[in-house]
PDB file of N, CA and C in Angstrom:
ATOM      1  N   MET A   1      -1.180 -39.705 -83.010  1.00  0.00           N
ATOM      2  CA  MET A   1      -1.900 -40.412 -81.965  1.00  0.00           C
ATOM      3  C   MET A   1      -1.393 -39.931 -80.600  1.00  0.00           C
ATOM      4  N   SER A   2      -1.479 -38.655 -80.370  1.00  0.00           N
ATOM      5  CA  SER A   2      -1.037 -38.106 -79.093  1.00  0.00           C
ATOM      6  C   SER A   2      -2.178 -37.956 -78.103  1.00  0.00           C
ATOM      7  N   ALA A   3      -3.381 -38.332 -78.477  1.00  0.00           N
ATOM      8  CA  ALA A   3      -4.517 -38.213 -77.565  1.00  0.00           C
ATOM      9  C   ALA A   3      -4.458 -39.255 -76.453  1.00  0.00           C
ATOM     10  N   ALA A   4      -3.959 -40.442 -76.743  1.00  0.00           N
ATOM     11  CA  ALA A   4      -3.895 -41.491 -75.724  1.00  0.00           C
ATOM     12  C   ALA A   4      -2.921 -41.134 -74.595  1.00  0.00           C
ATOM     13  N   PRO A   5      -1.682 -40.722 -74.896  1.00  0.00           N
ATOM     14  CA  PRO A   5      -0.798 -40.330 -73.790  1.00  0.00           C
ATOM     15  C   PRO A   5      -1.311 -39.102 -73.036  1.00  0.00           C
ATOM     16  N   ALA A   6      -1.939 -38.185 -73.749  1.00  0.00           N
ATOM     17  CA  ALA A   6      -2.497 -37.009 -73.076  1.00  0.00           C
ATOM     18  C   ALA A   6      -3.628 -37.400 -72.141  1.00  0.00           C
ATOM     19  N   THR A   7      -4.430 -38.373 -72.541  1.00  0.00           N
ATOM     20  CA  THR A   7      -5.503 -38.854 -71.668  1.00  0.00           C
ATOM     21  C   THR A   7      -4.936 -39.516 -70.427  1.00  0.00           C
ATOM     22  N   LEU A   8      -3.896 -40.324 -70.583  1.00  0.00           N
ATOM     23  CA  LEU A   8      -3.271 -40.977 -69.439  1.00  0.00           C
ATOM     24  C   LEU A   8      -2.662 -39.966 -68.468  1.00  0.00           C
ATOM     25  N   LEU A   9      -1.947 -39.000 -69.006  1.00  0.00           N
ATOM     26  CA  LEU A   9      -1.349 -37.980 -68.145  1.00  0.00           C
ATOM     27  C   LEU A   9      -2.411 -37.092 -67.509  1.00  0.00           C
ATOM     28  N   GLY A  10      -3.441 -36.761 -68.269  1.00  0.00           N
ATOM     29  CA  GLY A  10      -4.512 -35.935 -67.726  1.00  0.00           C
ATOM     30  C   GLY A  10      -5.259 -36.623 -66.600  1.00  0.00           C
ATOM     31  N   GLY A  11      -5.503 -37.924 -66.755  1.00  0.00           N
ATOM     32  CA  GLY A  11      -6.167 -38.675 -65.692  1.00  0.00           C
ATOM     33  C   GLY A  11      -5.345 -38.714 -64.426  1.00  0.00           C
ATOM     34  N   MET A  12      -4.033 -38.930 -64.585  1.00  0.00           N
ATOM     35  CA  MET A  12      -3.155 -38.930 -63.415  1.00  0.00           C
ATOM     36  C   MET A  12      -3.095 -37.554 -62.778  1.00  0.00           C
ATOM     37  N   PHE A  13      -3.086 -36.524 -63.602  1.00  0.00           N
ATOM     38  CA  PHE A  13      -3.013 -35.160 -63.088  1.00  0.00           C
ATOM     39  C   PHE A  13      -4.276 -34.777 -62.318  1.00  0.00           C
ATOM     40  N   VAL A  14      -5.438 -35.077 -62.880  1.00  0.00           N
ATOM     41  CA  VAL A  14      -6.702 -34.694 -62.246  1.00  0.00           C
ATOM     42  C   VAL A  14      -6.925 -35.481 -60.960  1.00  0.00           C
ATOM     43  N   TYR A  15      -6.852 -36.802 -61.034  1.00  0.00           N
ATOM     44  CA  TYR A  15      -7.112 -37.609 -59.840  1.00  0.00           C
ATOM     45  C   TYR A  15      -5.960 -37.562 -58.843  1.00  0.00           C
ATOM     46  N   GLY A  16      -4.738 -37.389 -59.333  1.00  0.00           N
ATOM     47  CA  GLY A  16      -3.619 -37.187 -58.413  1.00  0.00           C
ATOM     48  C   GLY A  16      -3.742 -35.866 -57.678  1.00  0.00           C
ATOM     49  N   GLY A  17      -4.196 -34.839 -58.395  1.00  0.00           N
ATOM     50  CA  GLY A  17      -4.426 -33.549 -57.752  1.00  0.00           C
ATOM     51  C   GLY A  17      -5.534 -33.623 -56.719  1.00  0.00           C
ATOM     52  N   ALA A  18      -6.602 -34.334 -57.050  1.00  0.00           N
ATOM     53  CA  ALA A  18      -7.686 -34.514 -56.080  1.00  0.00           C
ATOM     54  C   ALA A  18      -7.193 -35.293 -54.870  1.00  0.00           C
ATOM     55  N   GLY A  19      -6.375 -36.308 -55.098  1.00  0.00           N
ATOM     56  CA  GLY A  19      -5.806 -37.072 -53.991  1.00  0.00           C
ATOM     57  C   GLY A  19      -4.885 -36.226 -53.134  1.00  0.00           C
ATOM     58  N   TRP A  20      -4.120 -35.351 -53.780  1.00  0.00           N
ATOM     59  CA  TRP A  20      -3.227 -34.474 -53.039  1.00  0.00           C
ATOM     60  C   TRP A  20      -4.020 -33.500 -52.166  1.00  0.00           C
ATOM     61  N   LEU A  21      -5.088 -32.924 -52.741  1.00  0.00           N
ATOM     62  CA  LEU A  21      -5.916 -32.003 -51.960  1.00  0.00           C
ATOM     63  C   LEU A  21      -6.574 -32.711 -50.780  1.00  0.00           C
ATOM     64  N   LEU A  22      -7.117 -33.886 -51.030  1.00  0.00           N
ATOM     65  CA  LEU A  22      -7.735 -34.641 -49.940  1.00  0.00           C
ATOM     66  C   LEU A  22      -6.710 -35.064 -48.892  1.00  0.00           C
ATOM     67  N   ALA A  23      -5.504 -35.413 -49.341  1.00  0.00           N
ATOM     68  CA  ALA A  23      -4.457 -35.811 -48.403  1.00  0.00           C
ATOM     69  C   ALA A  23      -4.083 -34.656 -47.481  1.00  0.00           C
ATOM     70  N   ARG A  24      -4.008 -33.460 -48.042  1.00  0.00           N
ATOM     71  CA  ARG A  24      -3.678 -32.304 -47.211  1.00  0.00           C
ATOM     72  C   ARG A  24      -4.829 -31.931 -46.290  1.00  0.00           C
ATOM     73  N   TRP A  25      -6.055 -32.069 -46.779  1.00  0.00           N
ATOM     74  CA  TRP A  25      -7.224 -31.684 -45.992  1.00  0.00           C
ATOM     75  C   TRP A  25      -7.496 -32.674 -44.858  1.00  0.00           C
ATOM     76  N   LEU A  26      -7.377 -33.980 -45.158  1.00  0.00           N
ATOM     77  CA  LEU A  26      -7.684 -35.016 -44.174  1.00  0.00           C
ATOM     78  C   LEU A  26      -6.466 -35.516 -43.406  1.00  0.00           C
ATOM     79  N   HIS A  27      -5.267 -35.057 -43.772  1.00  0.00           N
ATOM     80  CA  HIS A  27      -4.008 -35.466 -43.141  1.00  0.00           C
ATOM     81  C   HIS A  27      -3.794 -36.978 -43.268  1.00  0.00           C
ATOM     82  N   VAL A  28      -4.080 -37.491 -44.467  1.00  0.00           N
ATOM     83  CA  VAL A  28      -3.857 -38.903 -44.778  1.00  0.00           C
ATOM     84  C   VAL A  28      -2.971 -38.949 -46.028  1.00  0.00           C
ATOM     85  N   PRO A  29      -1.650 -39.076 -45.854  1.00  0.00           N
ATOM     86  CA  PRO A  29      -0.743 -38.996 -46.998  1.00  0.00           C
ATOM     87  C   PRO A  29      -0.941 -40.095 -48.041  1.00  0.00           C
ATOM     88  N   ALA A  30      -1.586 -41.180 -47.705  1.00  0.00           N
ATOM     89  CA  ALA A  30      -1.755 -42.287 -48.649  1.00  0.00           C
ATOM     90  C   ALA A  30      -2.753 -41.959 -49.758  1.00  0.00           C
ATOM     91  N   LEU A  31      -3.484 -40.872 -49.641  1.00  0.00           N
ATOM     92  CA  LEU A  31      -4.490 -40.552 -50.650  1.00  0.00           C
ATOM     93  C   LEU A  31      -3.866 -40.067 -51.966  1.00  0.00           C
ATOM     94  N   LEU A  32      -2.688 -39.494 -51.916  1.00  0.00           N
ATOM     95  CA  LEU A  32      -2.029 -39.059 -53.148  1.00  0.00           C
ATOM     96  C   LEU A  32      -1.698 -40.239 -54.057  1.00  0.00           C
ATOM     97  N   PRO A  33      -0.986 -41.273 -53.595  1.00  0.00           N
ATOM     98  CA  PRO A  33      -0.726 -42.403 -54.498  1.00  0.00           C
ATOM     99  C   PRO A  33      -1.997 -43.139 -54.910  1.00  0.00           C
ATOM    100  N   ILE A  34      -2.984 -43.179 -54.024  1.00  0.00           N
ATOM    101  CA  ILE A  34      -4.254 -43.813 -54.393  1.00  0.00           C
ATOM    102  C   ILE A  34      -4.905 -43.039 -55.522  1.00  0.00           C
ATOM    103  N   GLY A  35      -4.886 -41.718 -55.454  1.00  0.00           N
ATOM    104  CA  GLY A  35      -5.443 -40.894 -56.522  1.00  0.00           C
ATOM    105  C   GLY A  35      -4.694 -41.063 -57.829  1.00  0.00           C
ATOM    106  N   LEU A  36      -3.379 -41.154 -57.755  1.00  0.00           N
ATOM    107  CA  LEU A  36      -2.587 -41.345 -58.975  1.00  0.00           C
ATOM    108  C   LEU A  36      -2.895 -42.682 -59.638  1.00  0.00           C
ATOM    109  N   VAL A  37      -2.965 -43.731 -58.840  1.00  0.00           N
ATOM    110  CA  VAL A  37      -3.250 -45.064 -59.391  1.00  0.00           C
ATOM    111  C   VAL A  37      -4.663 -45.109 -59.948  1.00  0.00           C
ATOM    112  N   PHE A  38      -5.628 -44.550 -59.218  1.00  0.00           N
ATOM    113  CA  PHE A  38      -7.005 -44.534 -59.708  1.00  0.00           C
ATOM    114  C   PHE A  38      -7.105 -43.749 -61.009  1.00  0.00           C
ATOM    115  N   GLY A  39      -6.411 -42.622 -61.085  1.00  0.00           N
ATOM    116  CA  GLY A  39      -6.412 -41.836 -62.318  1.00  0.00           C
ATOM    117  C   GLY A  39      -5.818 -42.593 -63.484  1.00  0.00           C
ATOM    118  N   LEU A  40      -4.739 -43.330 -63.249  1.00  0.00           N
ATOM    119  CA  LEU A  40      -4.119 -44.108 -64.317  1.00  0.00           C
ATOM    120  C   LEU A  40      -5.023 -45.234 -64.778  1.00  0.00           C
ATOM    121  N   VAL A  41      -5.671 -45.909 -63.828  1.00  0.00           N
ATOM    122  CA  VAL A  41      -6.568 -47.014 -64.185  1.00  0.00           C
ATOM    123  C   VAL A  41      -7.777 -46.486 -64.954  1.00  0.00           C
ATOM    124  N   PHE A  42      -8.373 -45.411 -64.483  1.00  0.00           N
ATOM    125  CA  PHE A  42      -9.549 -44.847 -65.145  1.00  0.00           C
ATOM    126  C   PHE A  42      -9.196 -44.319 -66.533  1.00  0.00           C
ATOM    127  N   ALA A  43      -8.065 -43.646 -66.653  1.00  0.00           N
ATOM    128  CA  ALA A  43      -7.650 -43.134 -67.961  1.00  0.00           C
ATOM    129  C   ALA A  43      -7.297 -44.278 -68.908  1.00  0.00           C
ATOM    130  N   SER A  44      -6.708 -45.348 -68.386  1.00  0.00           N
ATOM    131  CA  SER A  44      -6.413 -46.515 -69.227  1.00  0.00           C
ATOM    132  C   SER A  44      -7.700 -47.124 -69.758  1.00  0.00           C
ATOM    133  N   TYR A  45      -8.722 -47.181 -68.927  1.00  0.00           N
ATOM    134  CA  TYR A  45     -10.011 -47.677 -69.385  1.00  0.00           C
ATOM    135  C   TYR A  45     -10.576 -46.774 -70.480  1.00  0.00           C
ATOM    136  N   LEU A  46     -10.465 -45.475 -70.307  1.00  0.00           N
ATOM    137  CA  LEU A  46     -10.964 -44.548 -71.333  1.00  0.00           C
ATOM    138  C   LEU A  46     -10.225 -44.725 -72.658  1.00  0.00           C
ATOM    139  N   VAL A  47      -8.914 -44.907 -72.595  1.00  0.00           N
ATOM    140  CA  VAL A  47      -8.130 -45.116 -73.816  1.00  0.00           C
ATOM    141  C   VAL A  47      -8.526 -46.430 -74.464  1.00  0.00           C
ATOM    142  N   TYR A  48      -8.710 -47.474 -73.667  1.00  0.00           N
ATOM    143  CA  TYR A  48      -9.131 -48.763 -74.211  1.00  0.00           C
ATOM    144  C   TYR A  48     -10.513 -48.659 -74.846  1.00  0.00           C
ATOM    145  N   ALA A  49     -11.431 -47.990 -74.172  1.00  0.00           N
ATOM    146  CA  ALA A  49     -12.785 -47.854 -74.710  1.00  0.00           C
ATOM    147  C   ALA A  49     -12.795 -47.053 -76.005  1.00  0.00           C
ATOM    148  N   ARG A  50     -11.920 -46.066 -76.120  1.00  0.00           N
ATOM    149  CA  ARG A  50     -11.922 -45.223 -77.306  1.00  0.00           C
ATOM    150  C   ARG A  50     -11.166 -45.854 -78.465  1.00  0.00           C
ATOM    151  N   TYR A  51     -10.002 -46.466 -78.194  1.00  0.00           N
ATOM    152  CA  TYR A  51      -9.129 -46.926 -79.269  1.00  0.00           C
ATOM    153  C   TYR A  51      -8.974 -48.446 -79.326  1.00  0.00           C
ATOM    154  N   GLY A  52      -9.310 -49.155 -78.289  1.00  0.00           N
ATOM    155  CA  GLY A  52      -9.008 -50.578 -78.233  1.00  0.00           C
ATOM    156  C   GLY A  52     -10.006 -51.483 -78.913  1.00  0.00           C
ATOM    157  N   ARG A  53     -11.164 -51.005 -79.164  1.00  0.00           N
ATOM    158  CA  ARG A  53     -12.199 -51.885 -79.748  1.00  0.00           C
ATOM    159  C   ARG A  53     -12.158 -51.886 -81.239  1.00  0.00           C
TER     160      ARG A  53
END
């Protein structure tokens, strides 16, 4: 059952990376943690939808 942790890490990586890029482009450092949290929440929902029901 390694798909769930991979999904969580992948979500943080993708949305954290997007937040990092936007933070550098817009000069708003708060976008990186926002992207990480959003990625974790979205990936948690995906894991719940796939395995929790």
